PDB file of all heavy atoms in Angstrom:
ATOM      1  N   GLU A   1      19.331   9.186  10.106  1.00  0.00           N
ATOM      2  CA  GLU A   1      18.220   8.283   9.925  1.00  0.00           C
ATOM      3  C   GLU A   1      18.582   7.060   9.103  1.00  0.00           C
ATOM      4  O   GLU A   1      17.784   6.102   8.970  1.00  0.00           O
ATOM      5  CB  GLU A   1      17.007   8.961   9.326  1.00  0.00           C
ATOM      6  CG  GLU A   1      17.280   9.740   8.060  1.00  0.00           C
ATOM      7  CD  GLU A   1      17.438  11.231   8.321  1.00  0.00           C
ATOM      8  OE1 GLU A   1      18.185  11.581   9.292  1.00  0.00           O
ATOM      9  OE2 GLU A   1      16.832  12.053   7.591  1.00  0.00           O
ATOM     10  N   ASP A   2      19.779   7.057   8.500  1.00  0.00           N
ATOM     11  CA  ASP A   2      20.285   5.857   7.813  1.00  0.00           C
ATOM     12  C   ASP A   2      20.868   4.870   8.771  1.00  0.00           C
ATOM     13  O   ASP A   2      21.225   3.755   8.357  1.00  0.00           O
ATOM     14  CB  ASP A   2      21.332   6.273   6.764  1.00  0.00           C
ATOM     15  CG  ASP A   2      20.760   7.106   5.654  1.00  0.00           C
ATOM     16  OD1 ASP A   2      19.637   6.851   5.203  1.00  0.00           O
ATOM     17  OD2 ASP A   2      21.468   8.039   5.209  1.00  0.00           O
ATOM     18  N   THR A   3      21.011   5.214  10.000  1.00  0.00           N
ATOM     19  CA  THR A   3      21.599   4.348  11.015  1.00  0.00           C
ATOM     20  C   THR A   3      20.756   3.062  11.112  1.00  0.00           C
ATOM     21  O   THR A   3      19.533   3.127  11.367  1.00  0.00           O
ATOM     22  CB  THR A   3      21.706   5.021  12.365  1.00  0.00           C
ATOM     23  OG1 THR A   3      22.628   6.103  12.249  1.00  0.00           O
ATOM     24  CG2 THR A   3      22.188   4.050  13.413  1.00  0.00           C
ATOM     25  N   ALA A   4      21.360   1.921  10.929  1.00  0.00           N
ATOM     26  CA  ALA A   4      20.693   0.658  10.950  1.00  0.00           C
ATOM     27  C   ALA A   4      21.671  -0.462  10.735  1.00  0.00           C
ATOM     28  O   ALA A   4      22.852  -0.219  10.452  1.00  0.00           O
ATOM     29  CB  ALA A   4      19.599   0.587   9.853  1.00  0.00           C
ATOM     30  N   VAL A   5      21.234  -1.664  10.914  1.00  0.00           N
ATOM     31  CA  VAL A   5      21.959  -2.822  10.454  1.00  0.00           C
ATOM     32  C   VAL A   5      21.564  -3.087   9.058  1.00  0.00           C
ATOM     33  O   VAL A   5      20.358  -3.170   8.716  1.00  0.00           O
ATOM     34  CB  VAL A   5      21.699  -4.060  11.372  1.00  0.00           C
ATOM     35  CG1 VAL A   5      22.469  -5.281  10.798  1.00  0.00           C
ATOM     36  CG2 VAL A   5      22.124  -3.817  12.784  1.00  0.00           C
ATOM     37  N   TYR A   6      22.536  -3.227   8.189  1.00  0.00           N
ATOM     38  CA  TYR A   6      22.288  -3.407   6.757  1.00  0.00           C
ATOM     39  C   TYR A   6      22.529  -4.909   6.404  1.00  0.00           C
ATOM     40  O   TYR A   6      23.569  -5.434   6.754  1.00  0.00           O
ATOM     41  CB  TYR A   6      23.150  -2.524   5.927  1.00  0.00           C
ATOM     42  CG  TYR A   6      22.626  -1.066   5.894  1.00  0.00           C
ATOM     43  CD1 TYR A   6      22.770  -0.255   7.032  1.00  0.00           C
ATOM     44  CD2 TYR A   6      22.019  -0.579   4.772  1.00  0.00           C
ATOM     45  CE1 TYR A   6      22.258   1.000   7.028  1.00  0.00           C
ATOM     46  CE2 TYR A   6      21.515   0.713   4.787  1.00  0.00           C
ATOM     47  CZ  TYR A   6      21.635   1.528   5.885  1.00  0.00           C
ATOM     48  OH  TYR A   6      21.136   2.799   5.913  1.00  0.00           O
ATOM     49  N   TYR A   7      21.571  -5.472   5.697  1.00  0.00           N
ATOM     50  CA  TYR A   7      21.637  -6.851   5.330  1.00  0.00           C
ATOM     51  C   TYR A   7      21.634  -7.030   3.813  1.00  0.00           C
ATOM     52  O   TYR A   7      20.880  -6.344   3.105  1.00  0.00           O
ATOM     53  CB  TYR A   7      20.408  -7.603   5.899  1.00  0.00           C
ATOM     54  CG  TYR A   7      20.308  -7.643   7.380  1.00  0.00           C
ATOM     55  CD1 TYR A   7      19.663  -6.597   8.064  1.00  0.00           C
ATOM     56  CD2 TYR A   7      20.870  -8.680   8.124  1.00  0.00           C
ATOM     57  CE1 TYR A   7      19.542  -6.611   9.434  1.00  0.00           C
ATOM     58  CE2 TYR A   7      20.753  -8.674   9.480  1.00  0.00           C
ATOM     59  CZ  TYR A   7      20.098  -7.639  10.163  1.00  0.00           C
ATOM     60  OH  TYR A   7      20.002  -7.660  11.513  1.00  0.00           O
ATOM     61  N   CYS A   8      22.399  -7.984   3.373  1.00  0.00           N
ATOM     62  CA  CYS A   8      22.406  -8.367   1.977  1.00  0.00           C
ATOM     63  C   CYS A   8      21.569  -9.628   1.816  1.00  0.00           C
ATOM     64  O   CYS A   8      21.576 -10.509   2.663  1.00  0.00           O
ATOM     65  CB  CYS A   8      23.842  -8.625   1.560  1.00  0.00           C
ATOM     66  SG  CYS A   8      24.080  -9.201  -0.134  1.00  0.00           S
ATOM     67  N   ASN A   9      20.813  -9.682   0.749  1.00  0.00           N
ATOM     68  CA  ASN A   9      20.005 -10.831   0.472  1.00  0.00           C
ATOM     69  C   ASN A   9      20.100 -11.275  -0.946  1.00  0.00           C
ATOM     70  O   ASN A   9      19.968 -10.447  -1.864  1.00  0.00           O
ATOM     71  CB  ASN A   9      18.552 -10.547   0.846  1.00  0.00           C
ATOM     72  CG  ASN A   9      17.626 -11.742   0.663  1.00  0.00           C
ATOM     73  OD1 ASN A   9      17.009 -11.895  -0.375  1.00  0.00           O
ATOM     74  ND2 ASN A   9      17.577 -12.543   1.715  1.00  0.00           N
ATOM     75  N   LEU A  10      20.263 -12.582  -1.145  1.00  0.00           N
ATOM     76  CA  LEU A  10      20.206 -13.151  -2.489  1.00  0.00           C
ATOM     77  C   LEU A  10      18.814 -13.697  -2.696  1.00  0.00           C
ATOM     78  O   LEU A  10      18.269 -14.392  -1.883  1.00  0.00           O
ATOM     79  CB  LEU A  10      21.232 -14.320  -2.583  1.00  0.00           C
ATOM     80  CG  LEU A  10      22.686 -13.996  -2.847  1.00  0.00           C
ATOM     81  CD1 LEU A  10      23.296 -13.123  -1.753  1.00  0.00           C
ATOM     82  CD2 LEU A  10      23.460 -15.305  -2.973  1.00  0.00           C
ATOM     83  N   GLY A  11      18.228 -13.332  -3.825  1.00  0.00           N
ATOM     84  CA  GLY A  11      16.884 -13.732  -4.067  1.00  0.00           C
ATOM     85  C   GLY A  11      16.526 -13.719  -5.549  1.00  0.00           C
ATOM     86  O   GLY A  11      17.355 -13.986  -6.414  1.00  0.00           O
ATOM     87  N   SER A  12      15.291 -13.350  -5.793  1.00  0.00           N
ATOM     88  CA  SER A  12      14.807 -13.321  -7.182  1.00  0.00           C
ATOM     89  C   SER A  12      13.625 -12.373  -7.299  1.00  0.00           C
ATOM     90  O   SER A  12      12.978 -12.091  -6.262  1.00  0.00           O
ATOM     91  CB  SER A  12      14.409 -14.723  -7.657  1.00  0.00           C
ATOM     92  OG  SER A  12      13.377 -15.252  -6.871  1.00  0.00           O
ATOM     93  N   PHE A  13      13.337 -11.986  -8.483  1.00  0.00           N
ATOM     94  CA  PHE A  13      12.176 -11.152  -8.749  1.00  0.00           C
ATOM     95  C   PHE A  13      11.054 -12.021  -9.246  1.00  0.00           C
ATOM     96  O   PHE A  13      11.244 -12.801 -10.206  1.00  0.00           O
ATOM     97  CB  PHE A  13      12.475 -10.042  -9.739  1.00  0.00           C
ATOM     98  CG  PHE A  13      13.220  -8.887  -9.165  1.00  0.00           C
ATOM     99  CD1 PHE A  13      14.549  -8.728  -9.466  1.00  0.00           C
ATOM    100  CD2 PHE A  13      12.580  -8.001  -8.339  1.00  0.00           C
ATOM    101  CE1 PHE A  13      15.259  -7.644  -8.950  1.00  0.00           C
ATOM    102  CE2 PHE A  13      13.273  -6.915  -7.810  1.00  0.00           C
ATOM    103  CZ  PHE A  13      14.621  -6.763  -8.111  1.00  0.00           C
ATOM    104  N   GLU A  14       9.921 -11.954  -8.606  1.00  0.00           N
ATOM    105  CA  GLU A  14       8.738 -12.675  -9.038  1.00  0.00           C
ATOM    106  C   GLU A  14       7.842 -11.771  -9.879  1.00  0.00           C
ATOM    107  O   GLU A  14       8.218 -10.631 -10.186  1.00  0.00           O
ATOM    108  CB  GLU A  14       8.002 -13.181  -7.802  1.00  0.00           C
ATOM    109  CG  GLU A  14       8.826 -14.064  -6.893  1.00  0.00           C
ATOM    110  CD  GLU A  14       9.291 -15.319  -7.542  1.00  0.00           C
ATOM    111  OE1 GLU A  14       8.623 -15.801  -8.474  1.00  0.00           O
ATOM    112  OE2 GLU A  14      10.294 -15.894  -7.105  1.00  0.00           O
ATOM    113  N   ARG A  15       6.697 -12.295 -10.233  1.00  0.00           N
ATOM    114  CA  ARG A  15       5.768 -11.519 -11.031  1.00  0.00           C
ATOM    115  C   ARG A  15       5.441 -10.186 -10.382  1.00  0.00           C
ATOM    116  O   ARG A  15       5.250 -10.087  -9.169  1.00  0.00           O
ATOM    117  CB  ARG A  15       4.469 -12.351 -11.202  1.00  0.00           C
ATOM    118  CG  ARG A  15       3.365 -11.643 -11.990  1.00  0.00           C
ATOM    119  CD  ARG A  15       2.125 -12.503 -12.125  1.00  0.00           C
ATOM    120  NE  ARG A  15       1.061 -11.835 -12.746  1.00  0.00           N
ATOM    121  CZ  ARG A  15       0.904 -11.700 -14.038  1.00  0.00           C
ATOM    122  NH1 ARG A  15       1.746 -12.244 -14.893  1.00  0.00           N
ATOM    123  NH2 ARG A  15      -0.165 -11.014 -14.553  1.00  0.00           N
ATOM    124  N   GLY A  16       5.485  -9.168 -11.193  1.00  0.00           N
ATOM    125  CA  GLY A  16       5.207  -7.819 -10.742  1.00  0.00           C
ATOM    126  C   GLY A  16       6.442  -7.108 -10.194  1.00  0.00           C
ATOM    127  O   GLY A  16       6.340  -5.998  -9.702  1.00  0.00           O
ATOM    128  N   GLY A  17       7.575  -7.772 -10.313  1.00  0.00           N
ATOM    129  CA  GLY A  17       8.815  -7.179  -9.864  1.00  0.00           C
ATOM    130  C   GLY A  17       9.018  -7.249  -8.338  1.00  0.00           C
ATOM    131  O   GLY A  17       9.830  -6.526  -7.752  1.00  0.00           O
ATOM    132  N   ILE A  18       8.283  -8.127  -7.709  1.00  0.00           N
ATOM    133  CA  ILE A  18       8.412  -8.256  -6.260  1.00  0.00           C
ATOM    134  C   ILE A  18       9.673  -9.102  -5.924  1.00  0.00           C
ATOM    135  O   ILE A  18       9.841 -10.196  -6.414  1.00  0.00           O
ATOM    136  CB  ILE A  18       7.167  -8.942  -5.633  1.00  0.00           C
ATOM    137  CG1 ILE A  18       5.913  -8.145  -6.035  1.00  0.00           C
ATOM    138  CG2 ILE A  18       7.312  -9.087  -4.151  1.00  0.00           C
ATOM    139  CD1 ILE A  18       5.911  -6.745  -5.542  1.00  0.00           C
ATOM    140  N   PHE A  19      10.470  -8.545  -5.050  1.00  0.00           N
ATOM    141  CA  PHE A  19      11.708  -9.254  -4.634  1.00  0.00           C
ATOM    142  C   PHE A  19      11.400 -10.309  -3.617  1.00  0.00           C
ATOM    143  O   PHE A  19      10.719 -10.025  -2.598  1.00  0.00           O
ATOM    144  CB  PHE A  19      12.744  -8.271  -4.107  1.00  0.00           C
ATOM    145  CG  PHE A  19      14.032  -8.899  -3.782  1.00  0.00           C
ATOM    146  CD1 PHE A  19      14.996  -9.128  -4.771  1.00  0.00           C
ATOM    147  CD2 PHE A  19      14.365  -9.283  -2.502  1.00  0.00           C
ATOM    148  CE1 PHE A  19      16.183  -9.733  -4.503  1.00  0.00           C
ATOM    149  CE2 PHE A  19      15.555  -9.860  -2.178  1.00  0.00           C
ATOM    150  CZ  PHE A  19      16.478 -10.097  -3.211  1.00  0.00           C
ATOM    151  N   ARG A  20      11.860 -11.485  -3.842  1.00  0.00           N
ATOM    152  CA  ARG A  20      11.686 -12.583  -2.893  1.00  0.00           C
ATOM    153  C   ARG A  20      13.055 -13.071  -2.408  1.00  0.00           C
ATOM    154  O   ARG A  20      13.918 -13.424  -3.218  1.00  0.00           O
ATOM    155  CB  ARG A  20      10.930 -13.735  -3.539  1.00  0.00           C
ATOM    156  CG  ARG A  20      10.454 -14.778  -2.561  1.00  0.00           C
ATOM    157  CD  ARG A  20       9.323 -15.566  -3.050  1.00  0.00           C
ATOM    158  NE  ARG A  20       8.842 -16.517  -2.065  1.00  0.00           N
ATOM    159  CZ  ARG A  20       7.841 -16.298  -1.205  1.00  0.00           C
ATOM    160  NH1 ARG A  20       7.223 -15.134  -1.244  1.00  0.00           N
ATOM    161  NH2 ARG A  20       7.502 -17.197  -0.344  1.00  0.00           N
ATOM    162  N   SER A  21      13.191 -13.102  -1.112  1.00  0.00           N
ATOM    163  CA  SER A  21      14.470 -13.432  -0.502  1.00  0.00           C
ATOM    164  C   SER A  21      14.709 -14.911  -0.552  1.00  0.00           C
ATOM    165  O   SER A  21      13.812 -15.730  -0.539  1.00  0.00           O
ATOM    166  CB  SER A  21      14.511 -12.919   0.926  1.00  0.00           C
ATOM    167  OG  SER A  21      13.556 -13.594   1.718  1.00  0.00           O
ATOM    168  N   ALA A  22      16.001 -15.263  -0.536  1.00  0.00           N
ATOM    169  CA  ALA A  22      16.429 -16.652  -0.476  1.00  0.00           C
ATOM    170  C   ALA A  22      17.495 -16.892   0.612  1.00  0.00           C
ATOM    171  O   ALA A  22      17.360 -17.717   1.467  1.00  0.00           O
ATOM    172  CB  ALA A  22      16.970 -17.125  -1.806  1.00  0.00           C
ATOM    173  N   TYR A  23      18.550 -16.062   0.597  1.00  0.00           N
ATOM    174  CA  TYR A  23      19.648 -16.221   1.550  1.00  0.00           C
ATOM    175  C   TYR A  23      19.997 -14.880   2.125  1.00  0.00           C
ATOM    176  O   TYR A  23      20.180 -13.885   1.390  1.00  0.00           O
ATOM    177  CB  TYR A  23      20.872 -16.821   0.855  1.00  0.00           C
ATOM    178  CG  TYR A  23      20.651 -18.197   0.283  1.00  0.00           C
ATOM    179  CD1 TYR A  23      20.423 -18.363  -1.089  1.00  0.00           C
ATOM    180  CD2 TYR A  23      20.643 -19.322   1.085  1.00  0.00           C
ATOM    181  CE1 TYR A  23      20.197 -19.625  -1.621  1.00  0.00           C
ATOM    182  CE2 TYR A  23      20.422 -20.587   0.564  1.00  0.00           C
ATOM    183  CZ  TYR A  23      20.204 -20.720  -0.829  1.00  0.00           C
ATOM    184  OH  TYR A  23      19.996 -21.978  -1.346  1.00  0.00           O
ATOM    185  N   TRP A  24      20.105 -14.870   3.436  1.00  0.00           N
ATOM    186  CA  TRP A  24      20.437 -13.626   4.183  1.00  0.00           C
ATOM    187  C   TRP A  24      21.840 -13.675   4.729  1.00  0.00           C
ATOM    188  O   TRP A  24      22.349 -14.736   5.082  1.00  0.00           O
ATOM    189  CB  TRP A  24      19.513 -13.433   5.385  1.00  0.00           C
ATOM    190  CG  TRP A  24      18.080 -13.096   5.027  1.00  0.00           C
ATOM    191  CD1 TRP A  24      17.032 -13.949   4.975  1.00  0.00           C
ATOM    192  CD2 TRP A  24      17.588 -11.810   4.753  1.00  0.00           C
ATOM    193  NE1 TRP A  24      15.883 -13.263   4.664  1.00  0.00           N
ATOM    194  CE2 TRP A  24      16.200 -11.946   4.555  1.00  0.00           C
ATOM    195  CE3 TRP A  24      18.136 -10.529   4.661  1.00  0.00           C
ATOM    196  CZ2 TRP A  24      15.385 -10.850   4.236  1.00  0.00           C
ATOM    197  CZ3 TRP A  24      17.327  -9.461   4.383  1.00  0.00           C
ATOM    198  CH2 TRP A  24      15.961  -9.621   4.151  1.00  0.00           C
ATOM    199  N   GLY A  25      22.462 -12.495   4.766  1.00  0.00           N
ATOM    200  CA  GLY A  25      23.682 -12.337   5.548  1.00  0.00           C
ATOM    201  C   GLY A  25      23.323 -12.001   6.967  1.00  0.00           C
ATOM    202  O   GLY A  25      22.156 -11.877   7.341  1.00  0.00           O
ATOM    203  N   GLU A  26      24.354 -11.849   7.788  1.00  0.00           N
ATOM    204  CA  GLU A  26      24.127 -11.554   9.193  1.00  0.00           C
ATOM    205  C   GLU A  26      24.071 -10.051   9.508  1.00  0.00           C
ATOM    206  O   GLU A  26      23.704  -9.642  10.611  1.00  0.00           O
ATOM    207  CB  GLU A  26      25.228 -12.191  10.035  1.00  0.00           C
ATOM    208  CG  GLU A  26      26.617 -11.665   9.796  1.00  0.00           C
ATOM    209  CD  GLU A  26      27.661 -12.413  10.583  1.00  0.00           C
ATOM    210  OE1 GLU A  26      27.385 -13.547  11.081  1.00  0.00           O
ATOM    211  OE2 GLU A  26      28.773 -11.895  10.731  1.00  0.00           O
ATOM    212  N   GLY A  27      24.418  -9.239   8.560  1.00  0.00           N
ATOM    213  CA  GLY A  27      24.290  -7.818   8.664  1.00  0.00           C
ATOM    214  C   GLY A  27      25.575  -7.118   9.088  1.00  0.00           C
ATOM    215  O   GLY A  27      26.480  -7.688   9.610  1.00  0.00           O
ATOM    216  N   THR A  28      25.612  -5.836   8.752  1.00  0.00           N
ATOM    217  CA  THR A  28      26.734  -4.972   9.165  1.00  0.00           C
ATOM    218  C   THR A  28      26.142  -3.649   9.651  1.00  0.00           C
ATOM    219  O   THR A  28      25.217  -3.113   9.045  1.00  0.00           O
ATOM    220  CB  THR A  28      27.717  -4.760   7.987  1.00  0.00           C
ATOM    221  OG1 THR A  28      28.834  -4.010   8.437  1.00  0.00           O
ATOM    222  CG2 THR A  28      27.056  -4.057   6.800  1.00  0.00           C
ATOM    223  N   GLN A  29      26.677  -3.205  10.782  1.00  0.00           N
ATOM    224  CA  GLN A  29      26.106  -2.005  11.432  1.00  0.00           C
ATOM    225  C   GLN A  29      26.630  -0.750  10.736  1.00  0.00           C
ATOM    226  O   GLN A  29      27.825  -0.558  10.577  1.00  0.00           O
ATOM    227  CB  GLN A  29      26.490  -1.995  12.919  1.00  0.00           C
ATOM    228  CG  GLN A  29      26.060  -0.779  13.663  1.00  0.00           C
ATOM    229  CD  GLN A  29      24.575  -0.675  13.893  1.00  0.00           C
ATOM    230  OE1 GLN A  29      23.956  -1.664  14.283  1.00  0.00           O
ATOM    231  NE2 GLN A  29      23.989   0.493  13.577  1.00  0.00           N
ATOM    232  N   VAL A  30      25.712   0.131  10.462  1.00  0.00           N
ATOM    233  CA  VAL A  30      26.037   1.460   9.966  1.00  0.00           C
ATOM    234  C   VAL A  30      25.484   2.475  10.963  1.00  0.00           C
ATOM    235  O   VAL A  30      24.270   2.448  11.277  1.00  0.00           O
ATOM    236  CB  VAL A  30      25.434   1.740   8.575  1.00  0.00           C
ATOM    237  CG1 VAL A  30      25.597   3.186   8.178  1.00  0.00           C
ATOM    238  CG2 VAL A  30      26.067   0.857   7.536  1.00  0.00           C
ATOM    239  N   THR A  31      26.338   3.330  11.446  1.00  0.00           N
ATOM    240  CA  THR A  31      25.945   4.371  12.413  1.00  0.00           C
ATOM    241  C   THR A  31      26.354   5.712  11.845  1.00  0.00           C
ATOM    242  O   THR A  31      27.539   5.930  11.580  1.00  0.00           O
ATOM    243  CB  THR A  31      26.542   4.125  13.786  1.00  0.00           C
ATOM    244  OG1 THR A  31      26.194   2.827  14.256  1.00  0.00           O
ATOM    245  CG2 THR A  31      26.073   5.180  14.766  1.00  0.00           C
ATOM    246  N   VAL A  32      25.399   6.608  11.742  1.00  0.00           N
ATOM    247  CA  VAL A  32      25.664   7.934  11.208  1.00  0.00           C
ATOM    248  C   VAL A  32      25.418   8.943  12.297  1.00  0.00           C
ATOM    249  O   VAL A  32      24.273   9.070  12.800  1.00  0.00           O
ATOM    250  CB  VAL A  32      24.812   8.248   9.995  1.00  0.00           C
ATOM    251  CG1 VAL A  32      25.183   9.614   9.364  1.00  0.00           C
ATOM    252  CG2 VAL A  32      24.904   7.153   8.947  1.00  0.00           C
ATOM    253  N   SER A  33      26.448   9.653  12.676  1.00  0.00           N
ATOM    254  CA  SER A  33      26.327  10.627  13.745  1.00  0.00           C
ATOM    255  C   SER A  33      25.977  12.017  13.206  1.00  0.00           C
ATOM    256  O   SER A  33      26.330  12.349  12.051  1.00  0.00           O
ATOM    257  CB  SER A  33      27.627  10.704  14.549  1.00  0.00           C
ATOM    258  OG  SER A  33      28.707  11.139  13.756  1.00  0.00           O
TER     259      SER A  33
END
């Protein structure tokens, strides 16, 4: 169930600890058999 495309994001934490995205990568595929 961890199988997915994984993305890295540069961002910041806003009030309440909410993560806000700024820059995305294109992702890397993880497949777990």
